[in-house]
Amino acid sequence: MCDIEGERNKIDALLDAAARAAPAGARSDESALARFCLAALGEHYATECPDECLRRRCDDFAARVMRGDAIAQENA
């Protein structure tokens, strides 16, 4: 049974750690970052959540990271 919403804080922490550990090339490309995060998140939730659920969560996270980075660059 997938409880990805109930695990939001734990998942966010895992995704943040994965994004920080991502190679620079992945960090600058939204799709690459989403794939990198999916691999990291899959290590913890592959048996509990369907792949599509994890993929959607990682895509959303990567999009937020990219928007945050763009805003930070504009304000620099």
PDB file of N, CA and C in Angstrom:
ATOM      1  N   MET A   1       0.851  -1.188   0.000  1.00  0.00           N
ATOM      2  CA  MET A   1       0.000   0.000   0.000  1.00  0.00           C
ATOM      3  C   MET A   1       0.889   1.242   0.000  1.00  0.00           C
ATOM      4  N   CYS A   2       0.624   2.151  -0.876  1.00  0.00           N
ATOM      5  CA  CYS A   2       1.417   3.366  -1.010  1.00  0.00           C
ATOM      6  C   CYS A   2       0.887   4.442  -0.073  1.00  0.00           C
ATOM      7  N   ASP A   3       1.770   4.970   0.758  1.00  0.00           N
ATOM      8  CA  ASP A   3       1.403   6.059   1.665  1.00  0.00           C
ATOM      9  C   ASP A   3       2.378   7.211   1.456  1.00  0.00           C
ATOM     10  N   ILE A   4       2.563   7.590   0.195  1.00  0.00           N
ATOM     11  CA  ILE A   4       3.561   8.612  -0.122  1.00  0.00           C
ATOM     12  C   ILE A   4       3.211   9.958   0.503  1.00  0.00           C
ATOM     13  N   GLU A   5       1.944  10.275   0.641  1.00  0.00           N
ATOM     14  CA  GLU A   5       1.555  11.544   1.269  1.00  0.00           C
ATOM     15  C   GLU A   5       1.817  11.504   2.772  1.00  0.00           C
ATOM     16  N   GLY A   6       1.573  10.364   3.398  1.00  0.00           N
ATOM     17  CA  GLY A   6       1.815  10.227   4.827  1.00  0.00           C
ATOM     18  C   GLY A   6       3.292  10.267   5.180  1.00  0.00           C
ATOM     19  N   GLU A   7       4.122   9.973   4.210  1.00  0.00           N
ATOM     20  CA  GLU A   7       5.575   9.954   4.403  1.00  0.00           C
ATOM     21  C   GLU A   7       6.231  11.216   3.840  1.00  0.00           C
ATOM     22  N   ARG A   8       5.466  12.258   3.603  1.00  0.00           N
ATOM     23  CA  ARG A   8       5.951  13.457   2.907  1.00  0.00           C
ATOM     24  C   ARG A   8       7.250  14.004   3.500  1.00  0.00           C
ATOM     25  N   ASN A   9       7.322  14.183   4.811  1.00  0.00           N
ATOM     26  CA  ASN A   9       8.529  14.767   5.423  1.00  0.00           C
ATOM     27  C   ASN A   9       9.749  13.876   5.229  1.00  0.00           C
ATOM     28  N   LYS A  10       9.568  12.580   5.414  1.00  0.00           N
ATOM     29  CA  LYS A  10      10.682  11.648   5.239  1.00  0.00           C
ATOM     30  C   LYS A  10      11.129  11.625   3.773  1.00  0.00           C
ATOM     31  N   ILE A  11      10.167  11.600   2.869  1.00  0.00           N
ATOM     32  CA  ILE A  11      10.486  11.583   1.445  1.00  0.00           C
ATOM     33  C   ILE A  11      11.175  12.880   1.034  1.00  0.00           C
ATOM     34  N   ASP A  12      10.678  14.012   1.515  1.00  0.00           N
ATOM     35  CA  ASP A  12      11.325  15.289   1.203  1.00  0.00           C
ATOM     36  C   ASP A  12      12.772  15.302   1.679  1.00  0.00           C
ATOM     37  N   ALA A  13      13.026  14.767   2.856  1.00  0.00           N
ATOM     38  CA  ALA A  13      14.397  14.709   3.378  1.00  0.00           C
ATOM     39  C   ALA A  13      15.273  13.811   2.500  1.00  0.00           C
ATOM     40  N   LEU A  14      14.740  12.671   2.069  1.00  0.00           N
ATOM     41  CA  LEU A  14      15.497  11.777   1.193  1.00  0.00           C
ATOM     42  C   LEU A  14      15.786  12.444  -0.151  1.00  0.00           C
ATOM     43  N   LEU A  15      14.793  13.133  -0.697  1.00  0.00           N
ATOM     44  CA  LEU A  15      14.983  13.805  -1.982  1.00  0.00           C
ATOM     45  C   LEU A  15      15.968  14.962  -1.866  1.00  0.00           C
ATOM     46  N   ASP A  16      15.897  15.711  -0.773  1.00  0.00           N
ATOM     47  CA  ASP A  16      16.863  16.797  -0.556  1.00  0.00           C
ATOM     48  C   ASP A  16      18.287  16.247  -0.491  1.00  0.00           C
ATOM     49  N   ALA A  17      18.461  15.157   0.244  1.00  0.00           N
ATOM     50  CA  ALA A  17      19.791  14.546   0.352  1.00  0.00           C
ATOM     51  C   ALA A  17      20.268  14.038  -1.007  1.00  0.00           C
ATOM     52  N   ALA A  18      19.370  13.428  -1.766  1.00  0.00           N
ATOM     53  CA  ALA A  18      19.736  12.931  -3.096  1.00  0.00           C
ATOM     54  C   ALA A  18      20.120  14.083  -4.015  1.00  0.00           C
ATOM     55  N   ALA A  19      19.373  15.172  -3.966  1.00  0.00           N
ATOM     56  CA  ALA A  19      19.680  16.329  -4.822  1.00  0.00           C
ATOM     57  C   ALA A  19      21.040  16.915  -4.468  1.00  0.00           C
ATOM     58  N   ARG A  20      21.360  16.968  -3.188  1.00  0.00           N
ATOM     59  CA  ARG A  20      22.668  17.493  -2.778  1.00  0.00           C
ATOM     60  C   ARG A  20      23.800  16.573  -3.224  1.00  0.00           C
ATOM     61  N   ALA A  21      23.525  15.271  -3.269  1.00  0.00           N
ATOM     62  CA  ALA A  21      24.544  14.298  -3.658  1.00  0.00           C
ATOM     63  C   ALA A  21      24.638  14.117  -5.175  1.00  0.00           C
ATOM     64  N   ALA A  22      23.696  14.677  -5.904  1.00  0.00           N
ATOM     65  CA  ALA A  22      23.660  14.508  -7.360  1.00  0.00           C
ATOM     66  C   ALA A  22      24.877  15.155  -8.013  1.00  0.00           C
ATOM     67  N   PRO A  23      25.379  14.531  -9.064  1.00  0.00           N
ATOM     68  CA  PRO A  23      26.468  15.151  -9.817  1.00  0.00           C
ATOM     69  C   PRO A  23      26.009  16.483 -10.409  1.00  0.00           C
ATOM     70  N   ALA A  24      26.940  17.366 -10.676  1.00  0.00           N
ATOM     71  CA  ALA A  24      26.607  18.700 -11.186  1.00  0.00           C
ATOM     72  C   ALA A  24      25.770  18.629 -12.457  1.00  0.00           C
ATOM     73  N   GLY A  25      26.065  17.682 -13.323  1.00  0.00           N
ATOM     74  CA  GLY A  25      25.298  17.546 -14.561  1.00  0.00           C
ATOM     75  C   GLY A  25      23.843  17.222 -14.304  1.00  0.00           C
ATOM     76  N   ALA A  26      23.584  16.389 -13.317  1.00  0.00           N
ATOM     77  CA  ALA A  26      22.202  16.046 -12.973  1.00  0.00           C
ATOM     78  C   ALA A  26      21.521  17.212 -12.288  1.00  0.00           C
ATOM     79  N   ARG A  27      22.270  17.928 -11.511  1.00  0.00           N
ATOM     80  CA  ARG A  27      21.696  19.049 -10.754  1.00  0.00           C
ATOM     81  C   ARG A  27      21.232  20.177 -11.677  1.00  0.00           C
ATOM     82  N   SER A  28      21.833  20.297 -12.841  1.00  0.00           N
ATOM     83  CA  SER A  28      21.481  21.389 -13.750  1.00  0.00           C
ATOM     84  C   SER A  28      20.447  20.987 -14.799  1.00  0.00           C
ATOM     85  N   ASP A  29      19.995  19.747 -14.785  1.00  0.00           N
ATOM     86  CA  ASP A  29      19.025  19.256 -15.765  1.00  0.00           C
ATOM     87  C   ASP A  29      17.848  18.632 -15.018  1.00  0.00           C
ATOM     88  N   GLU A  30      16.664  19.173 -15.220  1.00  0.00           N
ATOM     89  CA  GLU A  30      15.491  18.723 -14.460  1.00  0.00           C
ATOM     90  C   GLU A  30      15.211  17.233 -14.640  1.00  0.00           C
ATOM     91  N   SER A  31      15.277  16.736 -15.871  1.00  0.00           N
ATOM     92  CA  SER A  31      15.004  15.317 -16.120  1.00  0.00           C
ATOM     93  C   SER A  31      16.060  14.426 -15.480  1.00  0.00           C
ATOM     94  N   ALA A  32      17.317  14.829 -15.587  1.00  0.00           N
ATOM     95  CA  ALA A  32      18.399  14.048 -14.985  1.00  0.00           C
ATOM     96  C   ALA A  32      18.280  14.037 -13.467  1.00  0.00           C
ATOM     97  N   LEU A  33      17.922  15.170 -12.891  1.00  0.00           N
ATOM     98  CA  LEU A  33      17.749  15.236 -11.440  1.00  0.00           C
ATOM     99  C   LEU A  33      16.594  14.346 -11.000  1.00  0.00           C
ATOM    100  N   ALA A  34      15.502  14.361 -11.749  1.00  0.00           N
ATOM    101  CA  ALA A  34      14.355  13.510 -11.418  1.00  0.00           C
ATOM    102  C   ALA A  34      14.750  12.036 -11.468  1.00  0.00           C
ATOM    103  N   ARG A  35      15.528  11.634 -12.483  1.00  0.00           N
ATOM    104  CA  ARG A  35      15.971  10.237 -12.582  1.00  0.00           C
ATOM    105  C   ARG A  35      16.892   9.874 -11.423  1.00  0.00           C
ATOM    106  N   PHE A  36      17.812  10.766 -11.085  1.00  0.00           N
ATOM    107  CA  PHE A  36      18.734  10.519  -9.976  1.00  0.00           C
ATOM    108  C   PHE A  36      17.952  10.353  -8.671  1.00  0.00           C
ATOM    109  N   CYS A  37      16.992  11.234  -8.447  1.00  0.00           N
ATOM    110  CA  CYS A  37      16.175  11.166  -7.229  1.00  0.00           C
ATOM    111  C   CYS A  37      15.308   9.913  -7.214  1.00  0.00           C
ATOM    112  N   LEU A  38      14.798   9.516  -8.383  1.00  0.00           N
ATOM    113  CA  LEU A  38      13.978   8.308  -8.463  1.00  0.00           C
ATOM    114  C   LEU A  38      14.791   7.085  -8.047  1.00  0.00           C
ATOM    115  N   ALA A  39      16.036   7.026  -8.487  1.00  0.00           N
ATOM    116  CA  ALA A  39      16.897   5.904  -8.097  1.00  0.00           C
ATOM    117  C   ALA A  39      17.101   5.889  -6.586  1.00  0.00           C
ATOM    118  N   ALA A  40      17.344   7.053  -6.005  1.00  0.00           N
ATOM    119  CA  ALA A  40      17.555   7.133  -4.553  1.00  0.00           C
ATOM    120  C   ALA A  40      16.278   6.793  -3.791  1.00  0.00           C
ATOM    121  N   LEU A  41      15.160   7.330  -4.234  1.00  0.00           N
ATOM    122  CA  LEU A  41      13.894   7.081  -3.548  1.00  0.00           C
ATOM    123  C   LEU A  41      13.461   5.632  -3.711  1.00  0.00           C
ATOM    124  N   GLY A  42      13.760   5.058  -4.868  1.00  0.00           N
ATOM    125  CA  GLY A  42      13.414   3.666  -5.122  1.00  0.00           C
ATOM    126  C   GLY A  42      14.087   2.703  -4.160  1.00  0.00           C
ATOM    127  N   GLU A  43      15.267   3.076  -3.668  1.00  0.00           N
ATOM    128  CA  GLU A  43      15.962   2.227  -2.697  1.00  0.00           C
ATOM    129  C   GLU A  43      15.149   2.073  -1.418  1.00  0.00           C
ATOM    130  N   HIS A  44      14.344   3.063  -1.097  1.00  0.00           N
ATOM    131  CA  HIS A  44      13.586   3.051   0.149  1.00  0.00           C
ATOM    132  C   HIS A  44      12.118   2.663  -0.030  1.00  0.00           C
ATOM    133  N   TYR A  45      11.546   2.950  -1.198  1.00  0.00           N
ATOM    134  CA  TYR A  45      10.101   2.796  -1.369  1.00  0.00           C
ATOM    135  C   TYR A  45       9.684   1.903  -2.532  1.00  0.00           C
ATOM    136  N   ALA A  46      10.602   1.238  -3.193  1.00  0.00           N
ATOM    137  CA  ALA A  46      10.273   0.450  -4.377  1.00  0.00           C
ATOM    138  C   ALA A  46       9.238  -0.635  -4.095  1.00  0.00           C
ATOM    139  N   THR A  47       9.259  -1.211  -2.919  1.00  0.00           N
ATOM    140  CA  THR A  47       8.306  -2.279  -2.611  1.00  0.00           C
ATOM    141  C   THR A  47       7.000  -1.747  -2.037  1.00  0.00           C
ATOM    142  N   GLU A  48       6.961  -0.468  -1.687  1.00  0.00           N
ATOM    143  CA  GLU A  48       5.778   0.098  -1.043  1.00  0.00           C
ATOM    144  C   GLU A  48       4.944   0.979  -1.955  1.00  0.00           C
ATOM    145  N   CYS A  49       5.555   1.531  -2.986  1.00  0.00           N
ATOM    146  CA  CYS A  49       4.848   2.452  -3.882  1.00  0.00           C
ATOM    147  C   CYS A  49       5.064   2.033  -5.331  1.00  0.00           C
ATOM    148  N   PRO A  50       4.038   2.205  -6.156  1.00  0.00           N
ATOM    149  CA  PRO A  50       4.209   1.924  -7.588  1.00  0.00           C
ATOM    150  C   PRO A  50       5.217   2.888  -8.208  1.00  0.00           C
ATOM    151  N   ASP A  51       5.883   2.424  -9.242  1.00  0.00           N
ATOM    152  CA  ASP A  51       6.893   3.234  -9.917  1.00  0.00           C
ATOM    153  C   ASP A  51       6.322   4.568 -10.385  1.00  0.00           C
ATOM    154  N   GLU A  52       5.107   4.568 -10.913  1.00  0.00           N
ATOM    155  CA  GLU A  52       4.501   5.808 -11.413  1.00  0.00           C
ATOM    156  C   GLU A  52       4.331   6.827 -10.291  1.00  0.00           C
ATOM    157  N   CYS A  53       3.961   6.380  -9.117  1.00  0.00           N
ATOM    158  CA  CYS A  53       3.789   7.257  -7.962  1.00  0.00           C
ATOM    159  C   CYS A  53       5.134   7.889  -7.575  1.00  0.00           C
ATOM    160  N   LEU A  54       6.176   7.082  -7.512  1.00  0.00           N
ATOM    161  CA  LEU A  54       7.510   7.590  -7.176  1.00  0.00           C
ATOM    162  C   LEU A  54       8.023   8.535  -8.259  1.00  0.00           C
ATOM    163  N   ARG A  55       7.796   8.166  -9.508  1.00  0.00           N
ATOM    164  CA  ARG A  55       8.253   9.000 -10.627  1.00  0.00           C
ATOM    165  C   ARG A  55       7.580  10.374 -10.593  1.00  0.00           C
ATOM    166  N   ARG A  56       6.279  10.403 -10.352  1.00  0.00           N
ATOM    167  CA  ARG A  56       5.552  11.673 -10.282  1.00  0.00           C
ATOM    168  C   ARG A  56       6.093  12.539  -9.145  1.00  0.00           C
ATOM    169  N   ARG A  57       6.365  11.925  -8.006  1.00  0.00           N
ATOM    170  CA  ARG A  57       6.892  12.653  -6.842  1.00  0.00           C
ATOM    171  C   ARG A  57       8.268  13.232  -7.147  1.00  0.00           C
ATOM    172  N   CYS A  58       9.114  12.448  -7.816  1.00  0.00           N
ATOM    173  CA  CYS A  58      10.456  12.919  -8.161  1.00  0.00           C
ATOM    174  C   CYS A  58      10.410  14.002  -9.233  1.00  0.00           C
ATOM    175  N   ASP A  59       9.510  13.871 -10.197  1.00  0.00           N
ATOM    176  CA  ASP A  59       9.355  14.910 -11.221  1.00  0.00           C
ATOM    177  C   ASP A  59       8.930  16.225 -10.586  1.00  0.00           C
ATOM    178  N   ASP A  60       7.966  16.161  -9.669  1.00  0.00           N
ATOM    179  CA  ASP A  60       7.507  17.372  -8.973  1.00  0.00           C
ATOM    180  C   ASP A  60       8.637  17.999  -8.161  1.00  0.00           C
ATOM    181  N   PHE A  61       9.399  17.158  -7.474  1.00  0.00           N
ATOM    182  CA  PHE A  61      10.513  17.651  -6.665  1.00  0.00           C
ATOM    183  C   PHE A  61      11.560  18.336  -7.548  1.00  0.00           C
ATOM    184  N   ALA A  62      11.941  17.683  -8.648  1.00  0.00           N
ATOM    185  CA  ALA A  62      12.956  18.249  -9.539  1.00  0.00           C
ATOM    186  C   ALA A  62      12.491  19.588 -10.115  1.00  0.00           C
ATOM    187  N   ALA A  63      11.222  19.688 -10.451  1.00  0.00           N
ATOM    188  CA  ALA A  63      10.688  20.953 -10.969  1.00  0.00           C
ATOM    189  C   ALA A  63      10.781  22.049  -9.909  1.00  0.00           C
ATOM    190  N   ARG A  64      10.474  21.717  -8.659  1.00  0.00           N
ATOM    191  CA  ARG A  64      10.576  22.703  -7.570  1.00  0.00           C
ATOM    192  C   ARG A  64      12.019  23.147  -7.365  1.00  0.00           C
ATOM    193  N   VAL A  65      12.946  22.205  -7.427  1.00  0.00           N
ATOM    194  CA  VAL A  65      14.366  22.540  -7.263  1.00  0.00           C
ATOM    195  C   VAL A  65      14.814  23.483  -8.375  1.00  0.00           C
ATOM    196  N   MET A  66      14.429  23.175  -9.595  1.00  0.00           N
ATOM    197  CA  MET A  66      14.827  24.021 -10.726  1.00  0.00           C
ATOM    198  C   MET A  66      14.226  25.421 -10.602  1.00  0.00           C
ATOM    199  N   ARG A  67      12.971  25.520 -10.198  1.00  0.00           N
ATOM    200  CA  ARG A  67      12.354  26.837 -10.000  1.00  0.00           C
ATOM    201  C   ARG A  67      13.067  27.597  -8.890  1.00  0.00           C
ATOM    202  N   GLY A  68      13.386  26.905  -7.798  1.00  0.00           N
ATOM    203  CA  GLY A  68      14.097  27.542  -6.686  1.00  0.00           C
ATOM    204  C   GLY A  68      15.472  28.028  -7.098  1.00  0.00           C
ATOM    205  N   ASP A  69      16.178  27.232  -7.891  1.00  0.00           N
ATOM    206  CA  ASP A  69      17.501  27.637  -8.375  1.00  0.00           C
ATOM    207  C   ASP A  69      17.394  28.847  -9.297  1.00  0.00           C
ATOM    208  N   ALA A  70      16.381  28.863 -10.154  1.00  0.00           N
ATOM    209  CA  ALA A  70      16.198  29.995 -11.073  1.00  0.00           C
ATOM    210  C   ALA A  70      15.899  31.273 -10.298  1.00  0.00           C
ATOM    211  N   ILE A  71      15.071  31.174  -9.279  1.00  0.00           N
ATOM    212  CA  ILE A  71      14.743  32.341  -8.449  1.00  0.00           C
ATOM    213  C   ILE A  71      15.985  32.828  -7.710  1.00  0.00           C
ATOM    214  N   ALA A  72      16.772  31.895  -7.190  1.00  0.00           N
ATOM    215  CA  ALA A  72      17.994  32.270  -6.471  1.00  0.00           C
ATOM    216  C   ALA A  72      18.971  32.988  -7.399  1.00  0.00           C
ATOM    217  N   GLN A  73      19.073  32.536  -8.638  1.00  0.00           N
ATOM    218  CA  GLN A  73      19.975  33.185  -9.595  1.00  0.00           C
ATOM    219  C   GLN A  73      19.480  34.581  -9.950  1.00  0.00           C
ATOM    220  N   GLU A  74      18.166  34.751 -10.060  1.00  0.00           N
ATOM    221  CA  GLU A  74      17.606  36.066 -10.368  1.00  0.00           C
ATOM    222  C   GLU A  74      17.868  37.054  -9.236  1.00  0.00           C
ATOM    223  N   ASN A  75      17.847  36.565  -8.012  1.00  0.00           N
ATOM    224  CA  ASN A  75      18.019  37.427  -6.847  1.00  0.00           C
ATOM    225  C   ASN A  75      19.481  37.637  -6.467  1.00  0.00           C
ATOM    226  N   ALA A  76      20.381  36.947  -7.146  1.00  0.00           N
ATOM    227  CA  ALA A  76      21.812  37.061  -6.813  1.00  0.00           C
ATOM    228  C   ALA A  76      22.420  38.316  -7.383  1.00  0.00           C
TER     229      ALA A  76
END
